């Protein structure tokens, strides 16, 4: 071997004392470990001596015992009621990379103190304690994290009231240690330590418990409270949070004369809170790096894509896009969220006049809504059946109601300007621009072709608005709100919409036939014949759908929301769109 080759190899040769490995819990063979990190383990106190990390409940059958929160009837959940008869309770299962607050989506069946789960554990393992682990810590405030991560670790404040899972492990520090520990855990320092303790990104309780804690003279309570507050406000600003109150675009402090003004003001606010969170995190990093004497190894900077706010496009969409692309995606998604919120107001789930959920329990009706809001500015649909059609066949279809919603929220004077802004924003990414199409037609096209796909993505294939569809020719499609469905919904859909539409299609076909006979232009005649052929396909499709609909309407199908969307969605054969994707038959 030449001297040059030996010199090259020497670059990758490390001489480390084996005794140094013994100073680190688990004695990992980490040759790159620095003196600074070793000193942290020597001088610090193990986190497990301050607060023991704990695993939680293993249900043994998540399909049976857990639900995404929006699937069930809210009257059966402890989210809005603390009475002893509640069946569904918040269940912390970890989740995606998000710091400080959030990932609160799952509920677990803990009726009668978890009777069903405990009985299953006894039948399988002879003891409930084999799977109902650390029950004494259930419902306590905690710091939680995801056991398995595809990226960096993230730690969140979990308020009182939740059960924790084996994958959403937790620690329960005393009040005086809470802010110090979560601030340490969300720092760059902990990331470096966990790279040493668990290079596989599998963050077991033992790994977290082995983190060395060196007390800092600085009190982190102010920054901790602000970081949690910013993260919570962000999490609750989206309708997938059970504490969502109202769309940020419509809140009075953001609402301006036009929707575009509202968006621009809101975008400035989002940028400000993102930068504020970045400043606070970097300030905490700097304090901890100095406390651990690691100035030579770490810097306090936190990249924007690690500021875990949904309103931060660098985090939401990744770091591989230009600023212009990120802004385009954010504007388009914000308008999609406006459309979704408007649909919610049409269904009575939300209201422009009252914050939070309005109708979200099984079998609720317009009367239940009006009992809460008797003088509503925007009254929900009377039957919870909302047509999505590519043409205006019904006065109360989703497009016309959306136009009414925008008028109510921003006024008549700026209505057209606002509709133009909505259409332009949707055409940035959600749908492709179409030459010669006006704003209302673009919005109609989004609602009829893309909205449900976005809804399935937002609600993780557990939709709350169900799309009844006649088939690929889209002769008839409508949304039905899960919580307003009743045994008479299908019969009403047939008598109020499908049968009248059949007559309208027949009349339109007769008109086209007359127009074809009267036309003297070859090009015009071909265009009309093409329209007629499409219409004939829709007529045939609608006739088939009507027969199926009558069959299912006669059955007067009942739903049990405790069973979840997956089970209930499969009760309607192929009347519904995306059945395989939702019921799991294609997975």
Protein backbone atom coordinates (compact mmCIF):
# COMPACT_ATOMS: atom_id res chain seq x y z
CA UNK A 1 0.00 0.00 0.00
CA UNK A 2 1.38 3.38 -0.96
CA UNK A 3 1.96 6.19 1.52
CA UNK A 4 -0.75 8.18 -0.28
CA UNK A 5 -3.28 5.36 0.23
CA UNK A 6 -2.34 5.10 3.91
CA UNK A 7 -2.80 8.84 4.33
CA UNK A 8 -6.21 8.64 2.68
CA UNK A 9 -7.33 5.80 4.95
CA UNK A 10 -6.14 7.69 8.00
CA UNK A 11 -8.84 10.26 7.37
CA UNK A 12 -11.43 7.63 8.28
CA UNK A 13 -9.59 6.15 11.27
CA UNK A 14 -10.80 6.99 14.78
CA UNK A 15 -9.03 6.16 18.03
CA UNK A 16 -11.49 6.04 20.90
CA UNK A 17 -11.16 4.69 24.41
CA UNK A 18 -13.46 1.76 25.12
CA UNK A 19 -13.97 3.23 28.57
CA UNK A 20 -15.70 6.22 27.00
CA UNK A 21 -18.39 3.96 25.56
CA UNK A 22 -19.11 2.70 29.07
CA UNK A 23 -20.07 6.22 30.13
CA UNK A 24 -23.03 6.18 27.74
CA UNK A 25 -26.17 4.17 28.63
CA UNK A 26 -26.20 0.98 26.58
CA UNK A 27 -22.52 1.43 25.72
CA UNK A 28 -23.14 2.06 22.00
CA UNK A 29 -20.13 1.56 19.73
CA UNK A 30 -20.32 5.12 18.42
CA UNK A 31 -16.79 5.96 17.40
CA UNK A 32 -17.74 9.49 16.43
CA UNK A 33 -18.86 10.39 19.96
CA UNK A 34 -17.25 13.65 21.09
CA UNK A 35 -15.83 14.59 24.44
CA UNK A 36 -18.62 17.12 24.84
CA UNK A 37 -21.33 14.49 24.51
CA UNK A 38 -19.52 12.10 26.82
CA UNK A 39 -19.25 14.88 29.41
CA UNK A 40 -23.02 15.43 29.17
CA UNK A 41 -23.62 11.79 30.18
CA UNK A 42 -21.05 12.04 32.97
CA UNK A 43 -22.33 15.32 34.43
CA UNK A 44 -26.05 15.04 33.68
CA UNK A 45 -28.83 13.19 35.42
CA UNK A 46 -30.67 10.56 33.40
CA UNK A 47 -34.14 11.71 32.38
CA UNK A 48 -35.60 8.46 33.72
CA UNK A 49 -34.49 9.52 37.21
CA UNK A 50 -36.64 12.65 36.87
CA UNK A 51 -39.66 11.19 35.06
CA UNK A 52 -39.90 7.58 33.90
CA UNK A 53 -40.97 7.20 30.23
CA UNK A 54 -43.92 4.84 30.01
CA UNK A 55 -45.68 2.72 27.46
CA UNK A 56 -49.46 2.76 27.46
CA UNK A 57 -52.50 0.84 26.26
CA UNK A 58 -52.36 -1.85 23.57
CA UNK A 59 -55.92 -2.41 22.31
CA UNK A 60 -54.99 -5.66 20.49
CA UNK A 61 -57.57 -4.76 17.81
CA UNK A 62 -57.46 -1.16 16.62
CA UNK A 63 -60.12 -1.77 13.95
CA UNK A 64 -62.54 -2.70 16.70
CA UNK A 65 -61.57 -0.30 19.46
CA UNK A 66 -60.30 2.90 17.80
CA UNK A 67 -61.83 5.54 15.52
CA UNK A 68 -60.75 8.79 13.95
CA UNK A 69 -62.65 11.33 16.03
CA UNK A 70 -64.96 12.65 13.31
CA UNK A 71 -66.38 9.19 12.51
CA UNK A 72 -68.40 8.76 15.67
CA UNK A 73 -71.34 10.60 17.19
CA UNK A 74 -69.94 13.43 19.28
CA UNK A 75 -72.60 12.89 21.94
CA UNK A 76 -70.84 9.60 22.76
CA UNK A 77 -67.42 11.24 23.17
CA UNK A 78 -65.68 12.77 26.17
CA UNK A 79 -64.45 15.53 23.84
CA UNK A 80 -67.66 17.49 24.42
CA UNK A 81 -69.08 15.67 27.42
CA UNK A 82 -67.53 14.49 30.67
CA UNK A 83 -70.40 12.29 31.84
CA UNK A 84 -69.66 8.72 32.89
CA UNK A 85 -71.60 7.18 30.02
CA UNK A 86 -69.11 8.29 27.36
CA UNK A 87 -67.76 5.55 25.15
CA UNK A 88 -65.01 7.31 23.18
CA UNK A 89 -61.98 9.02 24.70
CA UNK A 90 -58.90 10.74 23.21
CA UNK A 91 -56.19 8.20 22.44
CA UNK A 92 -52.63 9.36 21.94
CA UNK A 93 -50.97 7.21 19.26
CA UNK A 94 -47.97 9.38 18.39
CA UNK A 95 -48.38 10.46 14.78
CA UNK A 96 -46.40 12.57 12.35
CA UNK A 97 -43.42 14.84 12.97
CA UNK A 98 -44.94 17.73 14.89
CA UNK A 99 -43.54 19.54 17.92
CA UNK A 100 -45.19 21.18 20.93
CA UNK A 101 -48.88 20.37 20.31
CA UNK A 102 -51.15 18.41 17.99
CA UNK A 103 -51.67 14.96 16.44
CA UNK A 104 -54.86 14.61 18.46
CA UNK A 105 -57.05 12.63 16.08
CA UNK A 106 -57.81 9.17 17.47
CA UNK A 107 -60.41 8.00 20.00
CA UNK A 108 -60.52 4.70 21.88
CA UNK A 109 -63.47 2.77 23.27
CA UNK A 110 -63.03 3.13 27.02
CA UNK A 111 -66.67 2.56 27.97
CA UNK A 112 -67.04 1.38 31.56
CA UNK A 113 -63.36 1.92 32.23
CA UNK A 114 -62.24 -0.11 29.23
CA UNK A 115 -64.34 -3.18 30.01
CA UNK A 116 -64.28 -4.67 26.47
CA UNK A 117 -60.54 -4.19 26.01
CA UNK A 118 -59.79 -5.68 29.43
CA UNK A 119 -62.00 -8.71 28.73
CA UNK A 120 -60.20 -9.32 25.46
CA UNK A 121 -56.81 -9.07 27.21
CA UNK A 122 -57.94 -11.55 29.85
CA UNK A 123 -59.22 -14.01 27.24
CA UNK A 124 -55.97 -13.83 25.27
CA UNK A 125 -53.30 -13.38 27.92
CA UNK A 126 -54.94 -14.30 31.20
CA UNK A 127 -54.58 -10.79 32.62
CA UNK A 128 -55.76 -7.32 31.65
CA UNK A 129 -52.48 -5.83 32.86
CA UNK A 130 -50.62 -7.54 30.01
CA UNK A 131 -52.05 -5.00 27.58
CA UNK A 132 -53.64 -2.31 29.75
CA UNK A 133 -50.28 -0.94 30.85
CA UNK A 134 -49.65 1.93 33.32
CA UNK A 135 -53.39 2.55 33.74
CA UNK A 136 -52.74 4.82 36.71
CA UNK A 137 -51.24 7.40 34.35
CA UNK A 138 -54.19 7.49 31.93
CA UNK A 139 -55.79 10.94 31.48
CA UNK A 140 -52.88 12.81 33.11
CA UNK A 141 -51.08 15.71 31.38
CA UNK A 142 -47.92 14.43 29.70
CA UNK A 143 -45.13 14.91 27.22
CA UNK A 144 -45.60 12.47 24.38
CA UNK A 145 -43.72 11.34 21.28
CA UNK A 146 -43.94 8.80 18.49
CA UNK A 147 -42.09 5.57 19.17
CA UNK A 148 -41.35 5.00 15.49
CA UNK A 149 -40.44 7.93 13.27
CA UNK A 150 -39.62 8.33 9.59
CA UNK A 151 -37.78 11.55 10.37
CA UNK A 152 -36.60 13.39 13.47
CA UNK A 153 -38.17 12.95 16.91
CA UNK A 154 -40.81 15.41 18.03
CA UNK A 155 -42.32 15.91 21.47
CA UNK A 156 -45.74 17.36 22.27
CA UNK A 157 -47.68 18.61 25.25
CA UNK A 158 -50.69 16.38 25.84
CA UNK A 159 -53.36 18.04 28.01
CA UNK A 160 -55.31 16.19 30.65
CA UNK A 161 -57.95 13.78 29.38
CA UNK A 162 -56.23 11.31 27.04
CA UNK A 163 -55.18 7.66 27.20
CA UNK A 164 -51.79 6.91 25.70
CA UNK A 165 -50.77 4.07 23.40
CA UNK A 166 -47.70 1.84 23.13
CA UNK A 167 -46.63 3.85 20.05
CA UNK A 168 -47.53 7.21 21.60
CA UNK A 169 -45.32 6.83 24.63
CA UNK A 170 -45.30 9.47 27.34
CA UNK A 171 -43.57 10.89 30.37
CA UNK A 172 -45.36 12.54 33.27
CA UNK A 173 -43.00 15.06 34.89
CA UNK A 174 -43.83 17.12 37.93
CA UNK A 175 -45.19 20.58 37.19
CA UNK A 176 -41.87 22.28 37.95
CA UNK A 177 -40.02 20.05 35.46
CA UNK A 178 -42.56 20.06 32.64
CA UNK A 179 -41.38 23.03 30.61
CA UNK A 180 -37.69 22.26 31.15
CA UNK A 181 -38.00 18.69 29.88
CA UNK A 182 -40.13 19.36 26.80
CA UNK A 183 -37.86 22.25 25.84
CA UNK A 184 -34.82 19.99 26.14
CA UNK A 185 -36.53 17.18 24.22
CA UNK A 186 -37.45 19.44 21.30
CA UNK A 187 -33.94 20.87 21.04
CA UNK A 188 -31.12 20.10 18.61
CA UNK A 189 -29.22 18.76 21.58
CA UNK A 190 -31.66 15.87 22.07
CA UNK A 191 -31.56 15.10 18.37
CA UNK A 192 -27.77 14.69 18.56
CA UNK A 193 -28.04 12.51 21.66
CA UNK A 194 -30.73 10.27 20.11
CA UNK A 195 -28.60 9.85 17.00
CA UNK A 196 -26.12 8.27 19.38
CA UNK A 197 -28.59 6.24 21.45
CA UNK A 198 -30.96 5.17 18.65
CA UNK A 199 -29.60 5.58 15.12
CA UNK A 200 -32.53 3.51 13.76
CA UNK A 201 -35.15 6.24 14.50
CA UNK A 202 -36.96 3.85 16.84
CA UNK A 203 -37.36 5.89 20.02
CA UNK A 204 -38.12 3.43 22.80
CA UNK A 205 -38.80 4.45 26.39
CA UNK A 206 -35.28 3.39 27.32
CA UNK A 207 -33.72 5.71 24.75
CA UNK A 208 -35.65 8.73 26.01
CA UNK A 209 -34.96 7.81 29.63
CA UNK A 210 -31.22 7.74 28.89
CA UNK A 211 -31.06 11.38 27.80
CA UNK A 212 -28.83 13.32 30.21
CA UNK A 213 -30.44 16.35 31.87
CA UNK A 214 -28.22 19.19 32.98
CA UNK A 215 -30.12 21.86 34.87
CA UNK A 216 -29.97 25.31 33.32
CA UNK A 217 -30.30 28.48 35.36
CA UNK A 218 -32.75 29.73 32.74
CA UNK A 219 -36.49 29.26 33.22
CA UNK A 220 -38.13 28.04 30.00
CA UNK A 221 -41.73 28.49 31.13
CA UNK A 222 -42.42 31.61 29.05
CA UNK A 223 -41.06 30.19 25.81
CA UNK A 224 -42.71 26.81 26.47
CA UNK A 225 -46.11 28.41 26.99
CA UNK A 226 -45.74 30.55 23.87
CA UNK A 227 -44.56 27.66 21.69
CA UNK A 228 -47.44 25.45 22.84
CA UNK A 229 -49.88 28.31 22.36
CA UNK A 230 -48.72 28.97 18.78
CA UNK A 231 -48.78 25.29 17.92
CA UNK A 232 -52.22 24.79 19.47
CA UNK A 233 -53.70 27.80 17.67
CA UNK A 234 -52.33 26.41 14.43
CA UNK A 235 -53.63 22.88 15.05
CA UNK A 236 -57.09 24.12 16.00
CA UNK A 237 -57.31 26.39 12.93
CA UNK A 238 -58.11 23.40 10.70
CA UNK A 239 -61.33 21.44 10.69
CA UNK A 240 -59.56 18.15 11.34
CA UNK A 241 -59.12 19.36 14.94
CA UNK A 242 -61.97 18.59 17.32
CA UNK A 243 -61.49 22.07 18.81
CA UNK A 244 -61.81 23.83 15.46
CA UNK A 245 -64.05 26.88 15.89
CA UNK A 246 -64.11 28.79 12.62
CA UNK A 247 -62.12 29.27 9.44
CA UNK A 248 -59.28 31.77 9.90
CA UNK A 249 -60.23 33.52 6.66
CA UNK A 250 -63.64 34.36 8.08
CA UNK A 251 -62.73 35.31 11.63
CA UNK A 252 -63.49 38.97 12.30
CA UNK A 253 -59.87 39.96 12.88
CA UNK A 254 -58.93 38.74 9.39
CA UNK A 255 -62.13 39.45 7.49
CA UNK A 256 -61.68 42.37 5.11
CA UNK A 257 -63.74 43.82 2.31
CA UNK A 258 -62.56 41.17 -0.13
CA UNK A 259 -61.45 37.59 0.18
CA UNK A 260 -58.11 38.46 -1.39
CA UNK A 261 -57.53 41.12 1.30
CA UNK A 262 -58.46 38.56 3.97
CA UNK A 263 -56.01 36.05 2.56
CA UNK A 264 -53.16 38.54 2.28
CA UNK A 265 -53.61 39.66 5.88
CA UNK A 266 -53.82 36.07 7.07
CA UNK A 267 -50.70 35.12 5.09
CA UNK A 268 -48.73 37.92 6.79
CA UNK A 269 -49.94 36.64 10.17
CA UNK A 270 -48.89 33.08 9.35
CA UNK A 271 -45.43 34.26 8.34
CA UNK A 272 -45.06 36.24 11.55
CA UNK A 273 -45.97 33.36 13.86
CA UNK A 274 -43.71 30.98 11.93
CA UNK A 275 -40.76 33.33 12.38
CA UNK A 276 -41.68 33.87 16.04
CA UNK A 277 -41.65 30.13 16.66
CA UNK A 278 -38.33 29.82 14.85
CA UNK A 279 -36.87 32.59 17.02
CA UNK A 280 -38.05 30.93 20.24
CA UNK A 281 -36.72 27.52 19.28
CA UNK A 282 -33.35 28.94 18.30
CA UNK A 283 -33.18 30.89 21.55
CA UNK A 284 -33.86 27.70 23.52
CA UNK A 285 -31.23 25.82 21.50
CA UNK A 286 -28.65 28.49 22.25
CA UNK A 287 -29.33 28.33 26.00
CA UNK A 288 -29.08 24.53 26.09
CA UNK A 289 -25.98 24.33 23.91
CA UNK A 290 -24.22 26.63 26.33
CA UNK A 291 -25.52 24.75 29.37
CA UNK A 292 -24.09 21.51 27.94
CA UNK A 293 -20.88 23.23 26.73
CA UNK A 294 -21.39 22.03 23.17
CA UNK A 295 -20.75 25.33 21.37
CA UNK A 296 -18.03 23.67 19.29
CA UNK A 297 -20.37 20.93 18.10
CA UNK A 298 -23.83 22.46 17.65
CA UNK A 299 -25.37 25.66 16.37
CA UNK A 300 -28.82 26.88 17.42
CA UNK A 301 -30.30 27.43 13.95
CA UNK A 302 -33.59 25.69 13.10
CA UNK A 303 -34.54 25.47 9.39
CA UNK A 304 -37.99 26.67 8.40
CA UNK A 305 -39.09 23.21 7.32
CA UNK A 306 -38.73 22.08 10.97
CA UNK A 307 -41.08 24.77 12.29
CA UNK A 308 -44.02 22.42 12.58
CA UNK A 309 -46.98 24.67 11.88
CA UNK A 310 -49.48 23.64 9.22
CA UNK A 311 -49.65 27.26 8.10
CA UNK A 312 -45.89 27.12 7.36
CA UNK A 313 -45.53 25.94 3.75
CA UNK A 314 -41.89 24.91 4.23
CA UNK A 315 -43.02 22.32 6.78
CA UNK A 316 -46.33 21.47 5.13
CA UNK A 317 -45.01 20.79 1.62
CA UNK A 318 -41.33 20.01 2.17
CA UNK A 319 -38.11 21.75 1.35
CA UNK A 320 -37.75 20.69 -2.28
CA UNK A 321 -39.89 23.44 -3.81
CA UNK A 322 -39.26 27.06 -4.72
CA UNK A 323 -40.83 29.84 -2.68
CA UNK A 324 -43.23 30.58 -5.56
CA UNK A 325 -44.35 26.94 -5.66
CA UNK A 326 -44.88 26.91 -1.91
CA UNK A 327 -46.98 30.07 -2.03
CA UNK A 328 -49.06 28.65 -4.88
CA UNK A 329 -49.78 25.45 -2.96
CA UNK A 330 -50.64 27.32 0.22
CA UNK A 331 -53.05 29.71 -1.49
CA UNK A 332 -54.79 26.91 -3.38
CA UNK A 333 -55.10 24.70 -0.29
CA UNK A 334 -56.42 27.60 1.78
CA UNK A 335 -59.20 28.16 -0.75
CA UNK A 336 -59.92 24.43 -0.83
CA UNK A 337 -60.32 24.67 2.95
CA UNK A 338 -62.73 27.55 2.44
CA UNK A 339 -64.81 25.38 0.10
CA UNK A 340 -64.77 22.53 2.61
CA UNK A 341 -65.85 24.85 5.42
CA UNK A 342 -68.64 26.22 3.22
CA UNK A 343 -69.86 22.66 2.56
CA UNK A 344 -69.80 22.16 6.33
CA UNK A 345 -71.99 25.24 6.78
CA UNK A 346 -74.37 23.95 4.10
CA UNK A 347 -74.66 20.67 5.99
CA UNK A 348 -75.06 22.33 9.41
CA UNK A 349 -71.80 20.97 10.79
CA UNK A 350 -70.59 24.58 11.18
CA UNK A 351 -72.18 27.98 11.24
CA UNK A 352 -71.18 31.55 10.40
CA UNK A 353 -73.04 32.59 13.55
CA UNK A 354 -71.62 30.26 16.20
CA UNK A 355 -68.13 28.79 16.70
CA UNK A 356 -67.37 25.10 16.85
CA UNK A 357 -69.36 22.03 15.84
CA UNK A 358 -73.13 22.48 15.56
CA UNK A 359 -74.57 19.23 14.15
CA UNK A 360 -72.13 16.38 14.81
CA UNK A 361 -74.17 13.64 16.48
CA UNK A 362 -76.07 10.85 14.80
CA UNK A 363 -79.44 11.65 13.25
CA UNK A 364 -79.45 15.40 13.91
CA UNK A 365 -81.65 17.59 11.73
CA UNK A 366 -82.24 21.15 10.59
CA UNK A 367 -84.55 21.60 13.57
CA UNK A 368 -81.68 20.75 15.92
CA UNK A 369 -79.60 23.40 14.17
CA UNK A 370 -82.29 26.07 14.38
CA UNK A 371 -82.84 25.34 18.05
CA UNK A 372 -79.24 26.48 18.59
CA UNK A 373 -79.20 29.28 15.98
CA UNK A 374 -82.77 30.43 15.32
CA UNK A 375 -81.76 33.52 13.30
CA UNK A 376 -78.96 32.05 11.18
CA UNK A 377 -77.57 34.27 8.43
CA UNK A 378 -76.80 31.21 6.31
CA UNK A 379 -79.32 28.41 6.81
CA UNK A 380 -78.11 24.84 6.16
CA UNK A 381 -79.63 22.55 3.58
CA UNK A 382 -82.97 21.26 4.79
CA UNK A 383 -82.27 17.55 4.22
CA UNK A 384 -78.48 17.24 4.24
CA UNK A 385 -78.50 16.12 0.58
CA UNK A 386 -76.33 18.35 -1.60
CA UNK A 387 -76.22 17.77 -5.39
CA UNK A 388 -72.82 18.00 -7.09
CA UNK A 389 -73.57 18.36 -10.79
CA UNK A 390 -71.57 19.56 -13.79
CA UNK A 391 -74.66 21.47 -14.96
CA UNK A 392 -77.23 23.50 -13.04
CA UNK A 393 -80.07 21.02 -12.68
CA UNK A 394 -81.08 22.08 -9.16
CA UNK A 395 -81.40 25.50 -7.57
CA UNK A 396 -79.98 24.19 -4.27
CA UNK A 397 -76.93 22.44 -5.73
CA UNK A 398 -73.51 22.89 -4.11
CA UNK A 399 -72.36 25.57 -6.56
CA UNK A 400 -75.36 27.82 -6.06
CA UNK A 401 -75.22 27.39 -2.31
CA UNK A 402 -71.51 28.17 -2.32
CA UNK A 403 -72.18 31.40 -4.17
CA UNK A 404 -74.76 32.24 -1.50
CA UNK A 405 -72.25 31.42 1.22
CA UNK A 406 -69.62 33.79 -0.21
CA UNK A 407 -72.24 36.53 -0.53
CA UNK A 408 -73.24 36.06 3.10
CA UNK A 409 -69.66 36.02 4.40
CA UNK A 410 -68.26 38.95 2.38
CA UNK A 411 -71.27 40.80 1.00
CA UNK A 412 -72.94 41.40 -2.34
CA UNK A 413 -70.73 44.30 -3.39
CA UNK A 414 -67.56 42.23 -3.74
CA UNK A 415 -69.22 38.93 -4.66
CA UNK A 416 -67.92 38.66 -8.21
CA UNK A 417 -64.43 39.76 -7.24
CA UNK A 418 -64.36 37.12 -4.53
CA UNK A 419 -65.65 34.39 -6.84
CA UNK A 420 -62.95 35.34 -9.34
CA UNK A 421 -60.27 35.05 -6.65
CA UNK A 422 -61.59 31.64 -5.58
CA UNK A 423 -61.64 30.32 -9.14
CA UNK A 424 -58.16 31.67 -9.91
CA UNK A 425 -56.78 30.11 -6.71
CA UNK A 426 -58.33 26.70 -7.43
CA UNK A 427 -56.89 26.80 -10.94
CA UNK A 428 -53.40 27.28 -9.52
CA UNK A 429 -53.17 23.62 -8.54
CA UNK A 430 -56.47 21.86 -7.72
CA UNK A 431 -57.85 21.96 -11.27
CA UNK A 432 -56.39 23.03 -14.61
CA UNK A 433 -57.49 26.38 -16.08
CA UNK A 434 -60.04 26.08 -18.86
CA UNK A 435 -60.22 28.67 -21.62
CA UNK A 436 -63.45 30.64 -21.79
CA UNK A 437 -64.71 29.36 -18.45
CA UNK A 438 -66.18 31.88 -16.01
CA UNK A 439 -65.60 31.78 -12.26
CA UNK A 440 -68.85 30.04 -11.38
CA UNK A 441 -68.23 27.33 -13.94
CA UNK A 442 -64.69 26.78 -12.62
CA UNK A 443 -66.01 26.44 -9.07
CA UNK A 444 -68.70 24.05 -10.30
CA UNK A 445 -66.04 21.97 -12.07
CA UNK A 446 -63.93 21.80 -8.90
CA UNK A 447 -66.92 20.72 -6.82
CA UNK A 448 -68.04 18.06 -9.30
CA UNK A 449 -64.61 16.66 -10.21
CA UNK A 450 -62.09 17.30 -7.45
CA UNK A 451 -63.72 18.19 -4.14
CA UNK A 452 -64.40 14.63 -3.02
CA UNK A 453 -60.84 13.54 -3.75
CA UNK A 454 -59.59 16.36 -1.54
CA UNK A 455 -62.15 15.47 1.13
CA UNK A 456 -60.94 11.87 1.24
CA UNK A 457 -57.36 13.06 1.63
CA UNK A 458 -58.23 15.56 4.38
CA UNK A 459 -60.26 13.02 6.33
CA UNK A 460 -57.84 10.12 5.74
CA UNK A 461 -60.31 7.96 3.81
CA UNK A 462 -62.90 8.29 6.57
CA UNK A 463 -65.16 10.93 4.96
CA UNK A 464 -67.95 12.70 6.79
CA UNK A 465 -69.66 13.75 3.55
CA UNK A 466 -70.49 10.69 1.46
CA UNK A 467 -70.64 10.87 -2.33
CA UNK A 468 -73.57 9.00 -3.85
CA UNK A 469 -72.82 8.60 -7.55
CA UNK A 470 -74.68 7.12 -10.51
CA UNK A 471 -71.39 6.13 -12.15
CA UNK A 472 -68.64 7.29 -14.50
CA UNK A 473 -70.95 9.41 -16.66
CA UNK A 474 -71.93 11.40 -13.55
CA UNK A 475 -75.59 11.68 -14.44
CA UNK A 476 -76.27 12.34 -10.76
CA UNK A 477 -74.02 12.86 -7.77
CA UNK A 478 -74.72 14.26 -4.34
CA UNK A 479 -73.15 14.58 -0.91
CA UNK A 480 -74.91 13.28 2.20
CA UNK A 481 -73.67 14.32 5.64
CA UNK A 482 -72.96 11.23 7.73
CA UNK A 483 -74.34 12.72 10.94
CA UNK A 484 -77.60 13.80 9.30
CA UNK A 485 -78.30 10.54 7.48
CA UNK A 486 -81.48 8.74 8.54
CA UNK A 487 -83.54 5.80 7.32
CA UNK A 488 -85.53 8.02 4.98
CA UNK A 489 -82.55 9.76 3.33
CA UNK A 490 -82.35 7.49 0.28
CA UNK A 491 -86.08 7.68 -0.38
CA UNK A 492 -85.92 11.47 -0.22
CA UNK A 493 -82.90 11.49 -2.52
CA UNK A 494 -84.91 9.54 -5.05
CA UNK A 495 -88.14 11.55 -4.91
CA UNK A 496 -86.58 15.01 -4.58
CA UNK A 497 -83.65 14.64 -6.95
CA UNK A 498 -83.29 11.47 -9.03
CA UNK A 499 -86.85 11.21 -10.36
CA UNK A 500 -87.07 14.95 -11.16
CA UNK A 501 -83.65 14.77 -12.86
CA UNK A 502 -84.88 11.90 -15.02
CA UNK A 503 -87.65 14.13 -16.32
CA UNK A 504 -85.22 17.02 -16.89
CA UNK A 505 -82.83 14.83 -18.86
CA UNK A 506 -85.69 13.53 -21.00
CA UNK A 507 -86.84 17.06 -21.74
CA UNK A 508 -83.31 18.17 -22.56
CA UNK A 509 -82.85 15.19 -24.90
CA UNK A 510 -86.05 16.12 -26.77
CA UNK A 511 -84.81 19.68 -27.14
CA UNK A 512 -81.43 18.53 -28.51
CA UNK A 513 -83.15 16.27 -31.03
CA UNK A 514 -85.21 19.23 -32.26
CA UNK A 515 -82.13 21.44 -32.43
CA UNK A 516 -80.32 18.81 -34.50
CA UNK A 517 -83.23 18.58 -36.94
CA UNK A 518 -83.39 22.37 -37.22
CA UNK A 519 -79.65 22.93 -37.67
CA UNK A 520 -78.28 23.74 -41.10
CA UNK A 521 -74.63 23.78 -40.00
CA UNK A 522 -72.68 20.54 -40.21
CA UNK A 523 -70.32 21.57 -37.41
CA UNK A 524 -73.17 22.64 -35.16
CA UNK A 525 -75.07 19.44 -35.88
CA UNK A 526 -72.03 17.30 -34.94
CA UNK A 527 -71.60 19.22 -31.70
CA UNK A 528 -75.26 18.74 -30.83
CA UNK A 529 -75.12 15.05 -31.70
CA UNK A 530 -72.14 14.65 -29.39
CA UNK A 531 -74.07 16.32 -26.57
CA UNK A 532 -77.03 14.04 -27.25
CA UNK A 533 -74.87 10.89 -27.19
CA UNK A 534 -73.46 11.98 -23.81
CA UNK A 535 -76.95 12.66 -22.55
CA UNK A 536 -78.20 9.23 -23.69
CA UNK A 537 -75.37 7.62 -21.71
CA UNK A 538 -76.38 9.65 -18.66
CA UNK A 539 -80.04 8.69 -19.10
CA UNK A 540 -79.17 5.00 -19.17
CA UNK A 541 -76.86 5.38 -16.19
CA UNK A 542 -79.46 7.29 -14.19
CA UNK A 543 -82.13 4.67 -14.89
CA UNK A 544 -79.87 1.93 -13.55
CA UNK A 545 -78.95 4.04 -10.52
CA UNK A 546 -82.61 4.80 -9.81
CA UNK A 547 -83.43 1.10 -9.72
CA UNK A 548 -80.58 0.39 -7.29
CA UNK A 549 -81.50 3.41 -5.20
CA UNK A 550 -85.11 2.26 -4.91
CA UNK A 551 -83.93 -1.17 -3.75
CA UNK A 552 -81.71 0.28 -1.01
CA UNK A 553 -84.29 2.93 -0.04
CA UNK A 554 -86.85 0.18 0.60
CA UNK A 555 -84.42 -1.44 3.06
CA UNK A 556 -84.37 1.71 5.22
CA UNK A 557 -80.74 1.09 6.19
CA UNK A 558 -79.68 2.12 9.67
CA UNK A 559 -76.19 3.22 10.61
CA UNK A 560 -74.35 2.76 13.88
CA UNK A 561 -71.65 5.41 14.03
CA UNK A 562 -69.80 3.45 16.71
CA UNK A 563 -68.91 1.02 13.91
CA UNK A 564 -67.01 3.75 12.07
CA UNK A 565 -67.04 4.90 8.46
CA UNK A 566 -65.37 1.79 7.04
CA UNK A 567 -68.19 -0.52 8.12
CA UNK A 568 -71.10 1.86 7.48
CA UNK A 569 -69.89 3.00 4.06
CA UNK A 570 -70.02 -0.58 2.82
CA UNK A 571 -73.76 -0.92 3.49
CA UNK A 572 -74.82 0.79 0.25
CA UNK A 573 -73.32 -1.44 -2.42
CA UNK A 574 -72.01 0.58 -5.36
CA UNK A 575 -74.32 3.56 -4.79
CA UNK A 576 -71.34 5.33 -3.22
CA UNK A 577 -68.12 6.47 -4.89
CA UNK A 578 -64.68 5.19 -3.85
CA UNK A 579 -66.11 2.20 -1.99
CA UNK A 580 -63.00 0.04 -2.28
CA UNK A 581 -60.66 2.83 -1.15
CA UNK A 582 -62.77 3.53 1.94
CA UNK A 583 -63.85 0.06 3.03
CA UNK A 584 -60.37 -1.31 2.45
CA UNK A 585 -61.39 -3.99 -0.03
CA UNK A 586 -58.69 -2.81 -2.44
CA UNK A 587 -55.93 -2.70 0.19
